[in-house]
Amino acid sequence: MKYFIKNFLNGVLTILPIGLVIYVVYKLFIFLDGLLGNLLKPHFNEHYIPGIGLLMTVVLITLLGWLSTKFITGSVIKLLDFGLTKIPLVKTLYSIIKDTVHSFIGEKKSFSKVALVTLPGTGMKSLGFITSEQLELFHSPLEKYAAVYIPQTFQVAGFTFLVPKEEIEIIDVSPEDAMKFILSGGMTSSNSKNIKKS
């Protein structure tokens, strides 16, 4: 019986991660393919090939990116961008989404520095990510502070702490490894690396 249970658990440990990854990738593919695929399907009758919607979405995004660099279309996009920043309520939502997207794939990426901070009044430390080092633009007295985002384990929520810059340690760990470590509750750990003071 123990032999059976051991092999069953080995099977679960082997199959479950693979199955979950396949499921997530499949659902993501269906979602992205459906963005334009649902509009294209009626024109293909019964000959629609899964993936055409995804391909057209990639082409459309690339085309819009190219058009944004041209004078006329770029001016229209800038005008639209300006208009969205002036509409009450909409401007807040738009700025949050825009800043978040730019923080991941823009020129000035956030989450590129892994920070180690000490919790006040304790010797405990927490891993996080530097999201802003220019808080004086937000509120001038915060010139000597940096924003550190600390994700919560097993979820995408987290907390943003404003920490004095001299109390932040930048550690030589890749953002991917740090995120895996945090989200797994420390179960996914990498080799220890040297710590360098910011």
Protein backbone atom coordinates (compact mmCIF):
# COMPACT_ATOMS: atom_id res chain seq x y z
CA MET A 1 0.00 0.00 0.00
CA LYS A 2 2.85 2.38 0.86
CA TYR A 3 4.43 1.60 -2.52
CA PHE A 4 1.17 2.51 -4.27
CA ILE A 5 0.79 5.78 -2.31
CA LYS A 6 4.41 6.73 -2.98
CA ASN A 7 4.01 6.24 -6.73
CA PHE A 8 0.66 8.03 -6.73
CA LEU A 9 2.22 11.07 -5.02
CA ASN A 10 5.14 10.97 -7.44
CA GLY A 11 2.61 10.98 -10.27
CA VAL A 12 0.80 13.97 -8.77
CA LEU A 13 4.07 15.87 -8.30
CA THR A 14 5.01 15.14 -11.91
CA ILE A 15 1.69 15.64 -13.67
CA LEU A 16 0.07 18.47 -11.67
CA PRO A 17 2.59 21.26 -12.54
CA ILE A 18 2.63 20.18 -16.20
CA GLY A 19 -1.16 19.94 -16.34
CA LEU A 20 -1.66 23.35 -14.71
CA VAL A 21 0.81 25.03 -17.08
CA ILE A 22 -0.88 23.47 -20.12
CA TYR A 23 -4.30 24.54 -18.79
CA VAL A 24 -3.19 28.15 -18.15
CA VAL A 25 -1.47 28.41 -21.56
CA TYR A 26 -4.57 26.95 -23.24
CA LYS A 27 -6.92 29.40 -21.49
CA LEU A 28 -4.61 32.31 -22.33
CA PHE A 29 -4.48 31.19 -25.96
CA ILE A 30 -8.29 30.93 -26.14
CA PHE A 31 -8.67 34.40 -24.60
CA LEU A 32 -6.14 36.10 -26.90
CA ASP A 33 -7.39 34.24 -29.97
CA GLY A 34 -10.95 35.30 -29.16
CA LEU A 35 -10.15 39.02 -29.05
CA LEU A 36 -10.37 39.27 -32.85
CA GLY A 37 -11.22 35.65 -33.57
CA ASN A 38 -14.88 36.13 -32.57
CA LEU A 39 -15.14 38.91 -35.19
CA LEU A 40 -13.38 36.87 -37.87
CA LYS A 41 -15.19 33.53 -37.41
CA PRO A 42 -18.41 34.55 -39.27
CA HIS A 43 -16.32 35.43 -42.36
CA PHE A 44 -14.54 32.06 -42.37
CA ASN A 45 -17.76 30.02 -42.07
CA GLU A 46 -16.59 26.59 -40.87
CA HIS A 47 -13.00 27.00 -42.05
CA TYR A 48 -11.72 29.13 -39.15
CA ILE A 49 -8.32 27.96 -37.92
CA PRO A 50 -7.63 28.50 -34.20
CA GLY A 51 -4.78 30.96 -33.83
CA ILE A 52 -5.80 33.31 -36.67
CA GLY A 53 -7.38 35.69 -34.13
CA LEU A 54 -4.20 35.69 -32.05
CA LEU A 55 -2.05 36.28 -35.13
CA MET A 56 -4.27 39.17 -36.24
CA THR A 57 -4.14 40.66 -32.73
CA VAL A 58 -0.32 40.61 -32.82
CA VAL A 59 -0.33 42.17 -36.31
CA LEU A 60 -2.81 44.86 -35.23
CA ILE A 61 -0.81 45.77 -32.11
CA THR A 62 2.40 45.92 -34.17
CA LEU A 63 0.68 48.10 -36.78
CA LEU A 64 -0.60 50.48 -34.10
CA GLY A 65 2.90 50.63 -32.60
CA TRP A 66 4.31 51.54 -36.02
CA LEU A 67 1.59 54.14 -36.65
CA SER A 68 2.30 55.75 -33.27
CA THR A 69 5.76 56.71 -34.60
CA LYS A 70 4.34 58.53 -37.63
CA PHE A 71 3.52 62.24 -37.49
CA ILE A 72 -0.22 62.29 -38.28
CA THR A 73 -1.31 59.08 -36.57
CA GLY A 74 1.14 59.70 -33.72
CA SER A 75 -0.45 63.12 -33.19
CA VAL A 76 -3.92 61.55 -33.11
CA ILE A 77 -2.77 58.99 -30.52
CA LYS A 78 -1.15 61.75 -28.43
CA LEU A 79 -4.38 63.75 -28.65
CA LEU A 80 -6.36 60.71 -27.52
CA ASP A 81 -3.86 60.14 -24.70
CA PHE A 82 -4.22 63.79 -23.64
CA GLY A 83 -8.03 63.55 -23.76
CA LEU A 84 -8.10 60.46 -21.55
CA THR A 85 -6.00 62.24 -18.93
CA LYS A 86 -8.59 65.02 -18.67
CA ILE A 87 -11.78 62.99 -18.15
CA PRO A 88 -12.72 62.64 -14.45
CA LEU A 89 -12.50 59.07 -13.10
CA VAL A 90 -11.31 57.81 -16.50
CA LYS A 91 -8.00 59.66 -16.08
CA THR A 92 -7.29 57.82 -12.81
CA LEU A 93 -7.97 54.41 -14.32
CA TYR A 94 -6.05 55.27 -17.50
CA SER A 95 -2.98 56.56 -15.65
CA ILE A 96 -2.85 53.46 -13.40
CA ILE A 97 -3.06 51.08 -16.37
CA LYS A 98 -0.60 53.12 -18.46
CA ASP A 99 1.98 53.44 -15.66
CA THR A 100 1.67 49.74 -14.80
CA VAL A 101 2.20 48.64 -18.42
CA HIS A 102 5.16 51.01 -18.80
CA SER A 103 6.68 49.72 -15.56
CA PHE A 104 6.87 46.20 -17.01
CA ILE A 105 7.79 46.77 -20.67
CA GLY A 106 8.73 50.44 -20.93
CA GLU A 107 12.20 51.93 -21.06
CA LYS A 108 12.21 52.59 -17.30
CA LYS A 109 11.17 49.20 -15.98
CA SER A 110 10.13 48.80 -12.37
CA PHE A 111 10.60 45.47 -10.60
CA SER A 112 14.14 45.33 -11.98
CA LYS A 113 15.79 45.81 -8.56
CA VAL A 114 15.20 43.29 -5.78
CA ALA A 115 15.21 44.94 -2.36
CA LEU A 116 15.69 43.54 1.12
CA VAL A 117 14.05 45.63 3.85
CA THR A 118 13.96 45.19 7.62
CA LEU A 119 10.53 45.32 9.24
CA PRO A 120 10.46 48.15 11.81
CA GLY A 121 11.01 47.07 15.42
CA THR A 122 12.02 43.54 14.43
CA GLY A 123 14.99 41.71 13.05
CA MET A 124 12.83 40.18 10.33
CA LYS A 125 13.48 40.99 6.70
CA SER A 126 11.23 40.97 3.66
CA LEU A 127 11.90 40.77 -0.07
CA GLY A 128 10.38 43.34 -2.37
CA PHE A 129 10.91 45.31 -5.56
CA ILE A 130 11.91 48.95 -5.99
CA THR A 131 9.11 50.61 -7.96
CA SER A 132 10.19 54.24 -7.64
CA GLU A 133 13.30 56.05 -6.44
CA GLN A 134 12.05 59.56 -7.25
CA LEU A 135 9.28 60.05 -4.71
CA GLU A 136 10.05 63.77 -4.51
CA LEU A 137 8.08 64.11 -7.75
CA PHE A 138 5.08 62.76 -5.84
CA HIS A 139 5.70 64.58 -2.53
CA SER A 140 8.88 66.63 -2.01
CA PRO A 141 9.59 65.58 1.64
CA LEU A 142 9.97 61.98 0.42
CA GLU A 143 13.17 62.79 -1.50
CA LYS A 144 15.24 60.38 0.63
CA TYR A 145 12.71 57.55 0.37
CA ALA A 146 12.06 54.86 -2.22
CA ALA A 147 8.88 52.90 -2.90
CA VAL A 148 9.24 49.18 -2.29
CA TYR A 149 6.47 46.83 -3.39
CA ILE A 150 6.23 43.64 -1.34
CA PRO A 151 4.01 40.94 -2.91
CA GLN A 152 2.05 38.54 -0.72
CA THR A 153 2.66 34.81 -0.81
CA PHE A 154 0.38 32.68 -3.03
CA GLN A 155 -1.40 35.73 -4.50
CA VAL A 156 -0.79 38.79 -6.65
CA ALA A 157 -1.79 41.32 -3.97
CA GLY A 158 0.84 43.16 -1.99
CA PHE A 159 1.86 46.24 -0.03
CA THR A 160 3.77 49.37 -1.02
CA PHE A 161 6.13 50.70 1.66
CA LEU A 162 8.02 53.99 1.57
CA VAL A 163 11.43 53.11 2.98
CA PRO A 164 14.44 55.39 3.63
CA LYS A 165 16.94 54.72 0.86
CA GLU A 166 19.81 54.06 3.28
CA GLU A 167 17.81 51.26 4.89
CA ILE A 168 17.30 49.39 1.60
CA GLU A 169 19.64 46.63 0.51
CA ILE A 170 19.70 45.81 -3.20
CA ILE A 171 20.47 42.11 -3.54
CA ASP A 172 22.00 40.30 -6.49
CA VAL A 173 18.96 38.15 -7.29
CA SER A 174 17.02 38.21 -10.55
CA PRO A 175 13.46 39.62 -10.32
CA GLU A 176 12.11 36.29 -11.63
CA ASP A 177 13.83 34.27 -8.90
CA ALA A 178 12.74 36.77 -6.23
CA MET A 179 9.12 36.66 -7.40
CA LYS A 180 9.13 32.84 -7.42
CA PHE A 181 10.63 32.83 -3.92
CA ILE A 182 8.01 35.26 -2.57
CA LEU A 183 4.96 33.75 -4.25
CA SER A 184 5.94 30.23 -3.19
CA GLY A 185 6.42 31.25 0.43
CA GLY A 186 10.16 30.54 0.20
CA MET A 187 9.70 27.01 -1.09
CA THR A 188 11.41 27.94 -4.35
CA SER A 189 14.83 29.15 -3.32
CA SER A 190 17.91 29.89 -5.38
CA ASN A 191 21.55 29.73 -4.41
CA SER A 192 22.49 32.47 -1.97
CA LYS A 193 24.27 35.39 -3.61
CA ASN A 194 26.25 38.33 -2.41
CA ILE A 195 24.31 41.29 -1.08
CA LYS A 196 25.31 44.75 -2.18
CA LYS A 197 24.35 47.95 -0.38
CA SER A 198 22.42 50.50 -2.46
